[in-house]
Amino acid sequence: MRRDAGSVECSDDLQHGLLDIAAVQRALREDGLDGWLLYDFHGSNPIARRVTGLNDLATLTTRRWYYLIPADGPPRALVHAIERDRLDHLPGTKTRYARHGELDAGLRALLTGCATVAMEFSPGCAIPYVSRVDAGTVDAIRAHGVEVRSSGDLVQRFEAVWDAEALGSHEAASSALYAIKDQAFDLVTQRMRGGDPVTELEVQDAMAGWFEEAGLVSDSRPVVAAQENAGDPHYLPTRDRHRIIGPDEVLLLDLWGKLRTPRAVYADITWVGYTASTVPARYADAFTVICEGRDAAVTLVQRATREGGELRGWEVDRAARDVIAAAGFGTRFVHRTGHSLGEEVHGNGVHLDDFETHDERRLLPGTGVTIEPGVYFEDFGLRTEINLYVGEGSATVTGPLQTEIRTLR
């Protein structure tokens, strides 16, 4: 490997197989883009780090680096002189800079021949998960007469699409989560029948132990929310804030996790129980409505996938939301219908959202999403959550669907 000043050749071998340059270039040409400009400073762009394999290499980067994949021709990189080897595992040419004037000149040369580039940028920050490049860097690129467009769909293709191994890891995690959900409900049922009080925190502690036994990891302990606490979509019991689960109460469990293996992807489910032998109509009727909204979203995705039609994230949200609004619960459905699943529980693919944002990204084959409509009141809340894998020509729910509230007595 040459180490002299100026432009040098990077290795032609991709150590981790994350980046298929030819496939990226085909996608750029299809989308009418001149290049994909990947950029990071001090870990500010985790998408760029993952796509380029820096996370797998556990490589420290404390200076700005740029890696341009043009629609045609070899990639080219711009790196700081004191971190000159950071992108050596990627193909293409490489230029080093040190002073700020050299950085500006290096950018000008890097962008030669490009009128439009994609970056991890979202106009108006409409999709925060994609909006990783700071405004000043976008200004610096525009100053060279280059239009910056969102890389949202590119990110999906090359960072959010699952391979067979990832799908298998999701299915294994999903199976484990359903088993843990059943164990938690069984624990509450036994304690209710024995007249032995049980708290949200006790159930959460037990579930955390079952996660360990199943080989699952998560970025958070699970949600165990009784009655009014279930009316808070992001309630979590803590040592300082939890309560006894009483009789005749809604109990909501939301749990997410993935295997401990490299590149495993998450599963994420929510189920609802009721601590009595029958469920009051107020809860049962509202739960039926959110299940109908969920099923409308599933049906839309499955039909579009089967027919080869293009579907946007906002359209799926609207399918579920319209059903819930028509039943009179529209103001109680206060979050998006679903989110992308990946190596992080909220992945970098399309979200099913026409509420918090207007997500115009496409549902692409090989991606996974949650579908999780809910309704929330001051004294209770309900949610149903499933995972949907969008394949080639079919879309599959990767676990059982809850159709009625489970009794826990």
Foldseek 3Di string as FASTA:
>chain_A
DDLDAFKDWADAAQPVPLEDLLVLLVVCVVVVFFKAKEKDAQCLDVLSCVSLVVVVVVDGHHGIKIWIRGSDDWIEIEEESVCQCSNSSHGDMYHYDHDPVRVLVVLLVNCPPGQEYEALPDVVCLPVLSHRDDPVVCVSNVVSNHHYDHCLQVSCVRPFFDDPVQVVQALLQVVLVVVLVVVLLQVLLVCLVVVHWDKLVNSQVVSVVSCVVSQWDAPDGKAWAKWLRQLPVPDHDDPVDIDIRDAFIKIKIWDKTTHPDPFHKMFIWMAIAHADPDHDPVVFVLQQQQLVLLVQLQVVLFVCLQVVHKDWLQVSQCSSLVSNVVVPQNVQFQATQKAWITNHRRDSHGTNDPHSGRTGHTDDARTKMKGKTKGHDSGGIDIGIWMWHRHRNGIDTSDDGDNGHHYSD
